[in-house]
Protein backbone atom coordinates (compact mmCIF):
# COMPACT_ATOMS: atom_id res chain seq x y z
CA UNK A 1 -121.22 -55.48 82.46
CA UNK A 2 -119.54 -52.59 84.25
CA UNK A 3 -121.47 -49.46 85.05
CA UNK A 4 -120.62 -46.20 86.75
CA UNK A 5 -123.74 -44.30 87.68
CA UNK A 6 -124.70 -41.35 89.81
CA UNK A 7 -127.42 -42.61 92.12
CA UNK A 8 -130.44 -40.36 92.67
CA UNK A 9 -130.15 -40.48 96.48
CA UNK A 10 -127.10 -39.20 98.33
CA UNK A 11 -124.52 -41.38 96.55
CA UNK A 12 -121.71 -39.43 94.92
CA UNK A 13 -120.56 -42.53 93.04
CA UNK A 14 -122.31 -45.84 92.56
CA UNK A 15 -120.61 -48.72 90.72
CA UNK A 16 -121.81 -52.25 89.91
CA UNK A 17 -120.09 -55.13 88.14
CA UNK A 18 -121.65 -58.46 87.25
CA UNK A 19 -119.67 -61.70 87.22
CA UNK A 20 -121.29 -62.72 83.94
CA UNK A 21 -119.80 -60.99 80.91
CA UNK A 22 -119.67 -61.54 77.19
CA UNK A 23 -115.87 -61.37 77.27
CA UNK A 24 -115.68 -64.03 79.99
CA UNK A 25 -118.01 -66.33 78.05
CA UNK A 26 -116.02 -65.79 74.84
CA UNK A 27 -112.73 -66.62 76.55
CA UNK A 28 -114.25 -69.73 78.10
CA UNK A 29 -115.56 -70.94 74.72
CA UNK A 30 -112.18 -70.20 73.09
CA UNK A 31 -110.30 -72.19 75.75
CA UNK A 32 -112.72 -75.10 75.42
CA UNK A 33 -112.29 -74.95 71.63
CA UNK A 34 -108.52 -75.08 72.02
CA UNK A 35 -108.83 -78.03 74.40
CA UNK A 36 -111.11 -79.82 71.92
CA UNK A 37 -108.59 -79.15 69.15
CA UNK A 38 -105.83 -80.61 71.34
CA UNK A 39 -107.89 -83.68 72.11
CA UNK A 40 -109.32 -84.35 68.65
CA UNK A 41 -106.76 -82.81 66.29
CA UNK A 42 -103.55 -83.59 68.12
CA UNK A 43 -104.81 -86.68 69.96
CA UNK A 44 -103.78 -85.32 73.35
CA UNK A 45 -104.31 -87.58 76.33
CA UNK A 46 -107.85 -87.16 77.69
CA UNK A 47 -106.50 -86.94 81.24
CA UNK A 48 -104.29 -83.99 80.26
CA UNK A 49 -107.21 -82.24 78.55
CA UNK A 50 -109.40 -82.87 81.62
CA UNK A 51 -106.75 -81.44 83.96
CA UNK A 52 -106.38 -78.33 81.80
CA UNK A 53 -110.16 -78.05 81.51
CA UNK A 54 -110.49 -78.13 85.30
CA UNK A 55 -108.80 -74.72 85.41
CA UNK A 56 -111.80 -73.25 83.56
CA UNK A 57 -114.32 -74.37 86.19
CA UNK A 58 -114.07 -71.20 88.36
CA UNK A 59 -114.84 -69.08 85.28
CA UNK A 60 -117.79 -71.34 84.45
CA UNK A 61 -119.02 -71.04 88.04
CA UNK A 62 -118.90 -67.22 87.80
CA UNK A 63 -120.92 -67.34 84.58
CA UNK A 64 -123.55 -69.56 86.18
CA UNK A 65 -123.75 -67.76 89.54
CA UNK A 66 -123.30 -64.21 88.22
CA UNK A 67 -122.04 -62.63 91.47
CA UNK A 68 -122.54 -58.90 91.86
CA UNK A 69 -119.77 -56.61 93.09
CA UNK A 70 -119.77 -52.89 93.55
CA UNK A 71 -119.16 -49.74 95.53
CA UNK A 72 -121.12 -46.76 96.82
CA UNK A 73 -119.52 -43.50 97.89
CA UNK A 74 -121.74 -41.11 99.83
CA UNK A 75 -120.82 -37.84 101.55
CA UNK A 76 -120.34 -39.76 104.83
CA UNK A 77 -119.16 -43.28 103.97
CA UNK A 78 -117.51 -45.65 101.53
CA UNK A 79 -119.17 -49.06 101.07
CA UNK A 80 -118.18 -51.98 98.88
CA UNK A 81 -119.43 -55.51 98.39
CA UNK A 82 -118.41 -58.58 96.45
CA UNK A 83 -120.23 -61.87 96.71
CA UNK A 84 -120.83 -62.60 100.40
CA UNK A 85 -118.35 -59.95 101.61
CA UNK A 86 -119.51 -56.46 102.53
CA UNK A 87 -117.70 -53.55 104.20
CA UNK A 88 -118.26 -49.90 104.93
CA UNK A 89 -116.05 -47.18 106.36
CA UNK A 90 -116.93 -43.68 107.50
CA UNK A 91 -115.04 -41.10 105.44
CA UNK A 92 -113.96 -39.44 108.70
CA UNK A 93 -111.96 -42.61 109.56
CA UNK A 94 -109.97 -42.53 106.29
CA UNK A 95 -106.54 -40.89 106.32
CA UNK A 96 -106.06 -41.40 102.59
CA UNK A 97 -106.78 -43.80 99.78
CA UNK A 98 -103.84 -45.32 97.94
CA UNK A 99 -104.14 -46.15 94.23
CA UNK A 100 -101.37 -48.45 93.00
CA UNK A 101 -100.82 -48.96 89.28
CA UNK A 102 -99.40 -52.46 88.90
CA UNK A 103 -97.11 -53.85 86.25
CA UNK A 104 -100.11 -55.22 84.31
CA UNK A 105 -101.57 -51.65 84.31
CA UNK A 106 -104.42 -52.61 86.64
CA UNK A 107 -105.09 -50.24 89.53
CA UNK A 108 -105.51 -51.59 93.07
CA UNK A 109 -107.11 -49.47 95.78
CA UNK A 110 -106.16 -49.55 99.45
CA UNK A 111 -107.88 -47.56 102.20
CA UNK A 112 -105.44 -46.31 104.84
CA UNK A 113 -107.25 -45.51 108.08
CA UNK A 114 -106.29 -42.78 110.54
CA UNK A 115 -104.83 -45.44 112.88
CA UNK A 116 -102.52 -46.72 110.09
CA UNK A 117 -104.47 -49.89 109.32
CA UNK A 118 -104.68 -50.75 105.61
CA UNK A 119 -107.74 -52.30 104.00
CA UNK A 120 -107.48 -53.55 100.43
CA UNK A 121 -110.59 -53.00 98.33
CA UNK A 122 -111.32 -56.12 96.25
CA UNK A 123 -110.43 -55.57 92.60
CA UNK A 124 -113.84 -56.62 91.32
CA UNK A 125 -115.54 -53.97 93.50
CA UNK A 126 -113.23 -51.13 92.44
CA UNK A 127 -114.68 -48.63 89.92
CA UNK A 128 -112.58 -47.16 87.09
CA UNK A 129 -109.78 -45.30 88.83
CA UNK A 130 -110.23 -41.89 87.21
CA UNK A 131 -113.89 -41.48 88.15
CA UNK A 132 -113.19 -43.02 91.57
CA UNK A 133 -110.37 -40.58 92.28
CA UNK A 134 -112.47 -37.60 91.13
CA UNK A 135 -115.36 -38.62 93.39
CA UNK A 136 -113.05 -39.15 96.38
CA UNK A 137 -111.35 -35.78 95.96
CA UNK A 138 -114.76 -34.09 95.68
CA UNK A 139 -115.58 -35.53 99.14
CA UNK A 140 -112.32 -34.30 100.68
CA UNK A 141 -110.55 -37.69 100.79
CA UNK A 142 -106.83 -37.49 100.05
CA UNK A 143 -105.71 -39.80 97.25
CA UNK A 144 -102.11 -40.94 96.82
CA UNK A 145 -101.07 -42.54 93.55
CA UNK A 146 -98.14 -44.92 93.15
CA UNK A 147 -96.97 -46.35 89.84
CA UNK A 148 -95.20 -49.67 89.25
CA UNK A 149 -93.81 -50.32 92.73
CA UNK A 150 -92.80 -53.91 93.41
CA UNK A 151 -92.87 -53.55 97.20
CA UNK A 152 -95.49 -51.68 99.22
């Protein structure tokens, strides 16, 4: 479940995403159903079905573990976390934030620091880009948008 909330403390934007979702579970069940149909209906080799089924194990692990990812933007810092990873950056260290729209229409966020270093924000911790951009601009962070570039 994705949620964009305004936290009662000093957070301008607070975002949380759980690894467990109804859509993920439905896709997993559909893939397993297709694999069962291959095995039973078309008499596919069990080894082939097992190999294809192995590709669903990471999705199953996310459903079981339910990792939390998210981001908090306060007037002084940007913090994100995903699973065991955690990072925070003072807004004064940020030169600009780059939002790249990719060919699959997903938006990737990259923090560009004043010293030129680039830090990619993990996709699962990135809030919806419109509300994220609005919150960043309200805090005085420059945002640069790029659409459909193959090379960065």
